[in-house]
């Protein structure tokens, strides 16, 4: 009778151990893999006025916004920038 009780306890604990190992193996956290290449995560936008130019970089994954600012006073007579030869 003692050996039968001992065998039942032994097999019960063995079954519990195997069951816990199986549960631990199947509950591993899933890793998310992004299909977006890292070069496509950041998006650039620009705006300018007469004396300043702002460039915004937006991270499309995290929503982070980075502002880059430049100041210029004279570009010459390049009318594409809205300046004449006098810098106005």
N, C-alpha and C. Protein backbone atom coordinates (compact mmCIF):
# COMPACT_ATOMS: atom_id res chain seq x y z
N UNK A 1 0.81 -1.18 0.00
CA UNK A 1 0.00 0.00 0.00
C UNK A 1 0.86 1.26 0.00
N UNK A 2 1.99 1.22 0.73
CA UNK A 2 2.85 2.38 0.80
C UNK A 2 3.50 2.65 -0.55
N UNK A 3 3.89 1.63 -1.25
CA UNK A 3 4.52 1.85 -2.55
C UNK A 3 3.53 2.40 -3.56
N UNK A 4 2.27 1.97 -3.46
CA UNK A 4 1.27 2.48 -4.39
C UNK A 4 1.03 3.97 -4.13
N UNK A 5 0.95 4.40 -2.89
CA UNK A 5 0.77 5.81 -2.55
C UNK A 5 1.99 6.62 -2.99
N UNK A 6 3.16 6.05 -2.78
CA UNK A 6 4.39 6.72 -3.18
C UNK A 6 4.45 6.87 -4.69
N UNK A 7 4.05 5.85 -5.43
CA UNK A 7 4.05 5.91 -6.89
C UNK A 7 3.04 6.94 -7.39
N UNK A 8 1.89 7.00 -6.76
CA UNK A 8 0.87 7.99 -7.16
C UNK A 8 1.38 9.41 -6.94
N UNK A 9 2.01 9.65 -5.80
CA UNK A 9 2.57 10.97 -5.53
C UNK A 9 3.69 11.31 -6.51
N UNK A 10 4.56 10.35 -6.76
CA UNK A 10 5.68 10.57 -7.68
C UNK A 10 5.17 10.90 -9.08
N UNK A 11 4.22 10.14 -9.59
CA UNK A 11 3.68 10.39 -10.93
C UNK A 11 2.87 11.69 -10.98
N UNK A 12 2.21 12.02 -9.90
CA UNK A 12 1.45 13.28 -9.84
C UNK A 12 2.39 14.48 -9.94
N UNK A 13 3.47 14.44 -9.15
CA UNK A 13 4.44 15.54 -9.22
C UNK A 13 5.15 15.58 -10.57
N UNK A 14 5.41 14.42 -11.15
CA UNK A 14 6.03 14.38 -12.47
C UNK A 14 5.09 14.99 -13.52
N UNK A 15 3.81 14.68 -13.43
CA UNK A 15 2.83 15.23 -14.36
C UNK A 15 2.71 16.75 -14.18
N UNK A 16 2.72 17.20 -12.93
CA UNK A 16 2.66 18.64 -12.67
C UNK A 16 3.91 19.33 -13.24
N UNK A 17 5.07 18.74 -13.08
CA UNK A 17 6.31 19.30 -13.61
C UNK A 17 6.30 19.37 -15.13
N UNK A 18 5.86 18.29 -15.79
CA UNK A 18 5.80 18.29 -17.25
C UNK A 18 4.79 19.32 -17.73
N UNK A 19 3.65 19.40 -17.03
CA UNK A 19 2.64 20.39 -17.41
C UNK A 19 3.14 21.81 -17.26
N UNK A 20 3.86 22.11 -16.20
CA UNK A 20 4.38 23.46 -16.00
C UNK A 20 5.46 23.79 -17.02
N UNK A 21 6.28 22.83 -17.40
CA UNK A 21 7.27 23.07 -18.46
C UNK A 21 6.59 23.35 -19.79
N UNK A 22 5.53 22.61 -20.09
CA UNK A 22 4.80 22.82 -21.34
C UNK A 22 4.16 24.21 -21.37
N UNK A 23 3.56 24.63 -20.26
CA UNK A 23 2.93 25.95 -20.19
C UNK A 23 3.98 27.05 -20.30
N UNK A 24 5.11 26.88 -19.66
CA UNK A 24 6.17 27.88 -19.72
C UNK A 24 6.72 28.01 -21.14
N UNK A 25 6.79 26.92 -21.87
CA UNK A 25 7.33 26.97 -23.23
C UNK A 25 6.35 27.61 -24.20
N UNK A 26 5.06 27.47 -23.97
CA UNK A 26 4.08 28.02 -24.91
C UNK A 26 3.67 29.44 -24.58
N UNK A 27 3.97 29.95 -23.39
CA UNK A 27 3.60 31.31 -23.02
C UNK A 27 4.74 32.30 -23.18
N UNK A 28 5.69 32.02 -24.04
CA UNK A 28 6.78 32.95 -24.24
C UNK A 28 6.25 34.20 -24.94
N UNK A 29 6.75 35.38 -24.58
CA UNK A 29 6.24 36.62 -25.18
C UNK A 29 6.57 36.66 -26.67
N UNK A 30 5.61 37.13 -27.44
CA UNK A 30 5.81 37.22 -28.87
C UNK A 30 6.56 38.50 -29.19
N UNK A 31 7.53 38.39 -30.07
CA UNK A 31 8.29 39.55 -30.49
C UNK A 31 7.63 40.14 -31.72
N UNK A 32 7.42 41.46 -31.68
CA UNK A 32 6.84 42.12 -32.84
C UNK A 32 7.96 42.51 -33.78
N UNK A 33 7.78 42.16 -35.02
CA UNK A 33 8.77 42.48 -36.04
C UNK A 33 8.16 43.51 -36.97
N UNK A 34 8.82 44.65 -37.06
CA UNK A 34 8.31 45.71 -37.93
C UNK A 34 8.69 45.40 -39.37
N UNK A 35 7.72 45.58 -40.26
CA UNK A 35 7.99 45.36 -41.68
C UNK A 35 8.42 46.64 -42.37
N UNK A 36 8.45 47.76 -41.63
CA UNK A 36 8.86 49.04 -42.20
C UNK A 36 10.37 49.17 -42.06
N UNK A 37 11.09 49.39 -43.17
CA UNK A 37 12.53 49.60 -43.04
C UNK A 37 12.82 50.85 -42.22
N UNK A 38 13.94 50.86 -41.52
CA UNK A 38 14.26 51.98 -40.64
C UNK A 38 14.40 53.29 -41.42
N UNK A 39 14.78 53.20 -42.68
CA UNK A 39 14.92 54.42 -43.48
C UNK A 39 13.57 55.05 -43.78
N UNK A 40 12.48 54.32 -43.66
CA UNK A 40 11.15 54.86 -43.94
C UNK A 40 10.40 55.27 -42.68
N UNK A 41 11.05 55.22 -41.53
CA UNK A 41 10.39 55.56 -40.28
C UNK A 41 10.29 57.08 -40.13
N UNK A 42 11.33 57.82 -40.51
CA UNK A 42 11.36 59.27 -40.35
C UNK A 42 10.86 59.94 -41.62
N UNK A 43 10.02 60.96 -41.44
CA UNK A 43 9.47 61.72 -42.55
C UNK A 43 9.83 63.19 -42.33
N UNK A 44 10.30 63.88 -43.38
CA UNK A 44 10.75 65.26 -43.25
C UNK A 44 9.73 66.20 -43.88
N UNK A 45 9.49 67.34 -43.21
CA UNK A 45 8.63 68.41 -43.72
C UNK A 45 9.35 69.72 -43.46
N UNK A 46 9.18 70.69 -44.38
CA UNK A 46 9.86 71.97 -44.19
C UNK A 46 8.91 73.13 -44.41
N UNK A 47 9.24 74.25 -43.78
CA UNK A 47 8.51 75.50 -43.95
C UNK A 47 9.51 76.63 -43.78
N UNK A 48 9.23 77.79 -44.38
CA UNK A 48 10.16 78.90 -44.26
C UNK A 48 9.42 80.23 -44.34
N UNK A 49 10.07 81.25 -43.81
CA UNK A 49 9.60 82.63 -43.94
C UNK A 49 10.75 83.42 -44.54
N UNK A 50 10.72 84.75 -44.41
CA UNK A 50 11.76 85.57 -45.02
C UNK A 50 13.12 85.38 -44.37
N UNK A 51 13.15 85.09 -43.08
CA UNK A 51 14.45 85.03 -42.39
C UNK A 51 14.73 83.68 -41.74
N UNK A 52 13.76 82.82 -41.64
CA UNK A 52 14.02 81.53 -40.99
C UNK A 52 13.49 80.39 -41.84
N UNK A 53 14.05 79.25 -41.59
CA UNK A 53 13.59 78.03 -42.25
C UNK A 53 13.52 76.94 -41.19
N UNK A 54 12.41 76.22 -41.17
CA UNK A 54 12.22 75.16 -40.19
C UNK A 54 12.04 73.84 -40.93
N UNK A 55 12.69 72.83 -40.43
CA UNK A 55 12.53 71.48 -40.96
C UNK A 55 12.09 70.60 -39.80
N UNK A 56 11.03 69.85 -40.01
CA UNK A 56 10.51 68.96 -38.98
C UNK A 56 10.72 67.51 -39.42
N UNK A 57 11.25 66.71 -38.53
CA UNK A 57 11.39 65.28 -38.77
C UNK A 57 10.38 64.58 -37.86
N UNK A 58 9.54 63.75 -38.45
CA UNK A 58 8.49 63.06 -37.70
C UNK A 58 8.76 61.57 -37.75
N UNK A 59 8.84 60.94 -36.59
CA UNK A 59 8.99 59.50 -36.50
C UNK A 59 7.60 58.88 -36.59
N UNK A 60 7.33 58.13 -37.66
CA UNK A 60 6.00 57.58 -37.89
C UNK A 60 5.67 56.42 -36.97
N UNK A 61 6.65 55.86 -36.29
CA UNK A 61 6.40 54.74 -35.38
C UNK A 61 6.09 55.25 -33.98
N UNK A 62 6.92 56.16 -33.45
CA UNK A 62 6.75 56.61 -32.08
C UNK A 62 6.02 57.94 -31.97
N UNK A 63 5.90 58.70 -33.06
CA UNK A 63 5.26 60.01 -33.03
C UNK A 63 6.18 61.12 -32.58
N UNK A 64 7.46 60.84 -32.40
CA UNK A 64 8.43 61.84 -31.98
C UNK A 64 8.61 62.88 -33.09
N UNK A 65 8.65 64.17 -32.71
CA UNK A 65 8.86 65.26 -33.66
C UNK A 65 10.13 65.98 -33.27
N UNK A 66 11.04 66.18 -34.25
CA UNK A 66 12.28 66.90 -34.03
C UNK A 66 12.26 68.11 -34.94
N UNK A 67 12.55 69.29 -34.37
CA UNK A 67 12.54 70.53 -35.14
C UNK A 67 13.97 70.97 -35.39
N UNK A 68 14.29 71.23 -36.65
CA UNK A 68 15.59 71.76 -37.04
C UNK A 68 15.35 73.18 -37.54
N UNK A 69 16.13 74.13 -37.06
CA UNK A 69 15.93 75.52 -37.42
C UNK A 69 17.22 76.10 -37.97
N UNK A 70 17.11 76.86 -39.05
CA UNK A 70 18.26 77.54 -39.62
C UNK A 70 17.90 79.01 -39.79
N UNK A 71 18.88 79.86 -39.73
CA UNK A 71 18.67 81.28 -39.97
C UNK A 71 19.63 81.71 -41.07
N UNK A 72 19.10 82.46 -42.01
CA UNK A 72 19.94 82.98 -43.06
C UNK A 72 19.56 84.44 -43.28
N UNK A 73 20.53 85.23 -43.68
CA UNK A 73 20.28 86.66 -43.89
C UNK A 73 20.39 87.05 -45.35
N UNK A 74 21.26 86.38 -46.10
CA UNK A 74 21.46 86.79 -47.49
C UNK A 74 21.86 85.58 -48.32
N UNK A 75 21.12 85.36 -49.36
CA UNK A 75 21.44 84.25 -50.25
C UNK A 75 21.89 84.77 -51.61
N UNK A 76 21.85 86.06 -51.79
CA UNK A 76 22.24 86.62 -53.07
C UNK A 76 21.00 87.02 -53.85
N UNK A 77 21.11 86.99 -55.15
CA UNK A 77 19.99 87.43 -55.98
C UNK A 77 19.16 86.25 -56.47
N UNK A 78 19.16 85.17 -55.75
CA UNK A 78 18.39 84.00 -56.13
C UNK A 78 16.93 84.24 -55.78
N UNK A 79 16.11 84.47 -56.79
CA UNK A 79 14.70 84.80 -56.54
C UNK A 79 13.91 83.58 -56.08
N UNK A 80 14.47 82.39 -56.20
CA UNK A 80 13.77 81.19 -55.76
C UNK A 80 13.61 81.20 -54.25
N UNK A 81 14.48 81.95 -53.55
CA UNK A 81 14.39 82.02 -52.09
C UNK A 81 13.64 83.27 -51.63
N UNK A 82 13.13 84.07 -52.55
CA UNK A 82 12.39 85.26 -52.18
C UNK A 82 13.27 86.41 -51.80
N UNK A 83 14.53 86.46 -52.23
CA UNK A 83 15.44 87.53 -51.89
C UNK A 83 15.85 88.25 -53.16
N UNK A 84 16.12 89.54 -53.03
CA UNK A 84 16.71 90.25 -54.15
C UNK A 84 18.19 90.46 -53.86
N UNK A 85 18.85 91.27 -54.63
CA UNK A 85 20.29 91.46 -54.48
C UNK A 85 20.64 92.16 -53.19
N UNK A 86 19.68 92.83 -52.52
CA UNK A 86 19.96 93.57 -51.31
C UNK A 86 19.66 92.79 -50.05
N UNK A 87 19.22 91.58 -50.20
CA UNK A 87 18.95 90.75 -49.03
C UNK A 87 17.57 90.95 -48.45
N UNK A 88 16.69 91.64 -49.16
CA UNK A 88 15.32 91.86 -48.67
C UNK A 88 14.39 90.83 -49.20
